[in-house]
Amino acid sequence: MRAGVYALEPKMTVSQALSLGGGLSLKGTLRGIVIERHDADGKPKTIDVELHDPVLKDDVVVFKERLF
């Protein structure tokens, strides 16, 4: 509901990050959640994640929207 930058707590999960951001929008879905993260070489990569997976520093968590 509230896209933006949020301070992470140690060991925060994707589910907790979602809650911190106000939850899903009306069109939001829990299918296809991804994290955009940079690897050790600085190359960007996209990772499929589950709600219980950890969120790391500088991660961008992306929740998709339903088509209908």
N, C-alpha and C. Protein backbone atom coordinates (compact mmCIF):
# COMPACT_ATOMS: atom_id res chain seq x y z
N MET A 1 0.81 -1.20 0.00
CA MET A 1 0.00 0.00 0.00
C MET A 1 0.86 1.27 0.00
N ARG A 2 2.00 1.22 0.72
CA ARG A 2 2.85 2.41 0.82
C ARG A 2 4.24 2.08 0.30
N ALA A 3 4.42 2.20 -1.00
CA ALA A 3 5.74 1.94 -1.58
C ALA A 3 6.72 2.96 -1.02
N GLY A 4 7.95 2.54 -0.82
CA GLY A 4 8.94 3.46 -0.31
C GLY A 4 10.14 2.73 0.26
N VAL A 5 10.96 3.49 0.96
CA VAL A 5 12.17 2.96 1.59
C VAL A 5 11.89 2.82 3.08
N TYR A 6 12.22 1.66 3.63
CA TYR A 6 11.96 1.38 5.04
C TYR A 6 13.21 0.83 5.70
N ALA A 7 13.38 1.16 6.97
CA ALA A 7 14.50 0.63 7.74
C ALA A 7 14.24 -0.83 8.07
N LEU A 8 15.24 -1.67 7.84
CA LEU A 8 15.11 -3.09 8.12
C LEU A 8 15.60 -3.40 9.52
N GLU A 9 14.93 -4.34 10.14
CA GLU A 9 15.38 -4.88 11.41
C GLU A 9 16.20 -6.13 11.10
N PRO A 10 17.12 -6.51 12.00
CA PRO A 10 17.88 -7.75 11.76
C PRO A 10 16.94 -8.94 11.60
N LYS A 11 17.27 -9.80 10.66
CA LYS A 11 16.52 -11.03 10.39
C LYS A 11 15.09 -10.79 9.94
N MET A 12 14.81 -9.65 9.33
CA MET A 12 13.46 -9.36 8.84
C MET A 12 13.14 -10.27 7.65
N THR A 13 11.90 -10.75 7.60
CA THR A 13 11.46 -11.61 6.49
C THR A 13 10.69 -10.78 5.47
N VAL A 14 10.44 -11.39 4.33
CA VAL A 14 9.64 -10.75 3.28
C VAL A 14 8.26 -10.41 3.83
N SER A 15 7.66 -11.30 4.60
CA SER A 15 6.35 -11.07 5.20
C SER A 15 6.36 -9.85 6.12
N GLN A 16 7.38 -9.72 6.93
CA GLN A 16 7.49 -8.57 7.83
C GLN A 16 7.71 -7.28 7.05
N ALA A 17 8.48 -7.33 5.98
CA ALA A 17 8.69 -6.16 5.13
C ALA A 17 7.39 -5.73 4.47
N LEU A 18 6.60 -6.70 4.04
CA LEU A 18 5.29 -6.41 3.45
C LEU A 18 4.40 -5.71 4.47
N SER A 19 4.39 -6.20 5.68
CA SER A 19 3.58 -5.60 6.74
C SER A 19 4.05 -4.17 7.04
N LEU A 20 5.35 -3.96 7.07
CA LEU A 20 5.91 -2.64 7.33
C LEU A 20 5.46 -1.64 6.27
N GLY A 21 5.31 -2.10 5.03
CA GLY A 21 4.87 -1.25 3.93
C GLY A 21 3.37 -1.12 3.81
N GLY A 22 2.62 -1.63 4.77
CA GLY A 22 1.17 -1.46 4.76
C GLY A 22 0.40 -2.57 4.08
N GLY A 23 1.06 -3.65 3.70
CA GLY A 23 0.37 -4.76 3.06
C GLY A 23 0.23 -4.57 1.56
N LEU A 24 -0.47 -5.50 0.95
CA LEU A 24 -0.68 -5.47 -0.50
C LEU A 24 -1.72 -4.42 -0.88
N SER A 25 -1.60 -3.89 -2.08
CA SER A 25 -2.65 -3.02 -2.62
C SER A 25 -3.84 -3.89 -3.01
N LEU A 26 -4.92 -3.27 -3.43
CA LEU A 26 -6.11 -4.03 -3.82
C LEU A 26 -5.83 -4.97 -4.99
N LYS A 27 -4.88 -4.62 -5.84
CA LYS A 27 -4.54 -5.46 -6.98
C LYS A 27 -3.33 -6.36 -6.71
N GLY A 28 -2.74 -6.25 -5.54
CA GLY A 28 -1.54 -7.01 -5.22
C GLY A 28 -1.78 -8.50 -5.09
N THR A 29 -0.72 -9.28 -5.31
CA THR A 29 -0.79 -10.74 -5.19
C THR A 29 0.48 -11.25 -4.53
N LEU A 30 0.35 -12.37 -3.84
CA LEU A 30 1.51 -12.99 -3.21
C LEU A 30 2.22 -13.95 -4.16
N ARG A 31 1.69 -14.11 -5.36
CA ARG A 31 2.34 -14.95 -6.36
C ARG A 31 3.44 -14.17 -7.05
N GLY A 32 4.56 -14.81 -7.24
CA GLY A 32 5.63 -14.19 -8.01
C GLY A 32 6.38 -13.09 -7.30
N ILE A 33 6.53 -13.18 -5.97
CA ILE A 33 7.31 -12.19 -5.23
C ILE A 33 8.78 -12.37 -5.59
N VAL A 34 9.46 -11.28 -5.87
CA VAL A 34 10.89 -11.34 -6.17
C VAL A 34 11.65 -10.28 -5.38
N ILE A 35 12.93 -10.55 -5.20
CA ILE A 35 13.84 -9.57 -4.61
C ILE A 35 14.86 -9.23 -5.68
N GLU A 36 15.10 -7.94 -5.87
CA GLU A 36 16.16 -7.48 -6.74
C GLU A 36 17.36 -7.18 -5.86
N ARG A 37 18.46 -7.88 -6.11
CA ARG A 37 19.64 -7.82 -5.24
C ARG A 37 20.89 -7.79 -6.11
N HIS A 38 21.94 -7.15 -5.61
CA HIS A 38 23.24 -7.15 -6.30
C HIS A 38 24.12 -8.23 -5.69
N ASP A 39 24.83 -8.98 -6.55
CA ASP A 39 25.72 -10.02 -6.04
C ASP A 39 27.05 -9.41 -5.60
N ALA A 40 28.00 -10.24 -5.22
CA ALA A 40 29.29 -9.77 -4.70
C ALA A 40 30.06 -8.94 -5.72
N ASP A 41 29.82 -9.18 -7.02
CA ASP A 41 30.48 -8.42 -8.08
C ASP A 41 29.73 -7.15 -8.45
N GLY A 42 28.61 -6.89 -7.79
CA GLY A 42 27.82 -5.70 -8.08
C GLY A 42 26.83 -5.87 -9.21
N LYS A 43 26.72 -7.09 -9.73
CA LYS A 43 25.78 -7.34 -10.82
C LYS A 43 24.38 -7.55 -10.26
N PRO A 44 23.37 -6.92 -10.87
CA PRO A 44 22.00 -7.10 -10.36
C PRO A 44 21.47 -8.48 -10.72
N LYS A 45 20.68 -9.03 -9.80
CA LYS A 45 20.02 -10.31 -10.08
C LYS A 45 18.65 -10.28 -9.43
N THR A 46 17.75 -11.07 -9.99
CA THR A 46 16.38 -11.18 -9.48
C THR A 46 16.21 -12.57 -8.90
N ILE A 47 15.69 -12.61 -7.66
CA ILE A 47 15.56 -13.87 -6.94
C ILE A 47 14.09 -14.11 -6.60
N ASP A 48 13.57 -15.28 -6.95
CA ASP A 48 12.22 -15.66 -6.52
C ASP A 48 12.28 -15.99 -5.03
N VAL A 49 11.34 -15.47 -4.24
CA VAL A 49 11.36 -15.69 -2.80
C VAL A 49 9.98 -16.09 -2.27
N GLU A 50 9.98 -16.58 -1.05
CA GLU A 50 8.78 -16.92 -0.30
C GLU A 50 8.63 -15.93 0.84
N LEU A 51 7.48 -15.91 1.49
CA LEU A 51 7.23 -14.96 2.57
C LEU A 51 8.17 -15.13 3.76
N HIS A 52 8.69 -16.33 3.99
CA HIS A 52 9.55 -16.58 5.13
C HIS A 52 11.03 -16.31 4.86
N ASP A 53 11.39 -15.95 3.62
CA ASP A 53 12.79 -15.69 3.27
C ASP A 53 13.26 -14.36 3.84
N PRO A 54 14.55 -14.27 4.18
CA PRO A 54 15.07 -13.02 4.76
C PRO A 54 15.26 -11.92 3.72
N VAL A 55 15.16 -10.70 4.19
CA VAL A 55 15.44 -9.52 3.37
C VAL A 55 16.79 -8.98 3.84
N LEU A 56 17.68 -8.72 2.88
CA LEU A 56 19.01 -8.23 3.22
C LEU A 56 19.13 -6.74 2.91
N LYS A 57 20.18 -6.14 3.43
CA LYS A 57 20.45 -4.72 3.21
C LYS A 57 20.48 -4.43 1.70
N ASP A 58 19.84 -3.35 1.31
CA ASP A 58 19.79 -2.86 -0.08
C ASP A 58 18.92 -3.71 -1.02
N ASP A 59 18.17 -4.70 -0.49
CA ASP A 59 17.24 -5.46 -1.32
C ASP A 59 16.05 -4.59 -1.72
N VAL A 60 15.52 -4.87 -2.89
CA VAL A 60 14.27 -4.27 -3.33
C VAL A 60 13.27 -5.41 -3.48
N VAL A 61 12.21 -5.38 -2.67
CA VAL A 61 11.20 -6.43 -2.71
C VAL A 61 10.08 -5.99 -3.66
N VAL A 62 9.76 -6.85 -4.63
CA VAL A 62 8.77 -6.51 -5.65
C VAL A 62 7.58 -7.47 -5.54
N PHE A 63 6.40 -6.91 -5.33
CA PHE A 63 5.16 -7.67 -5.29
C PHE A 63 4.40 -7.36 -6.58
N LYS A 64 4.02 -8.39 -7.29
CA LYS A 64 3.32 -8.20 -8.56
C LYS A 64 1.85 -7.83 -8.34
N GLU A 65 1.21 -7.42 -9.43
CA GLU A 65 -0.22 -7.12 -9.41
C GLU A 65 -0.98 -8.15 -10.21
N ARG A 66 -2.19 -8.45 -9.76
CA ARG A 66 -3.07 -9.35 -10.50
C ARG A 66 -3.56 -8.63 -11.77
N LEU A 67 -3.82 -9.39 -12.81
CA LEU A 67 -4.36 -8.80 -14.02
C LEU A 67 -5.86 -8.54 -13.89
N PHE A 68 -6.55 -9.41 -13.14
CA PHE A 68 -8.01 -9.28 -12.98
C PHE A 68 -8.37 -9.33 -11.53
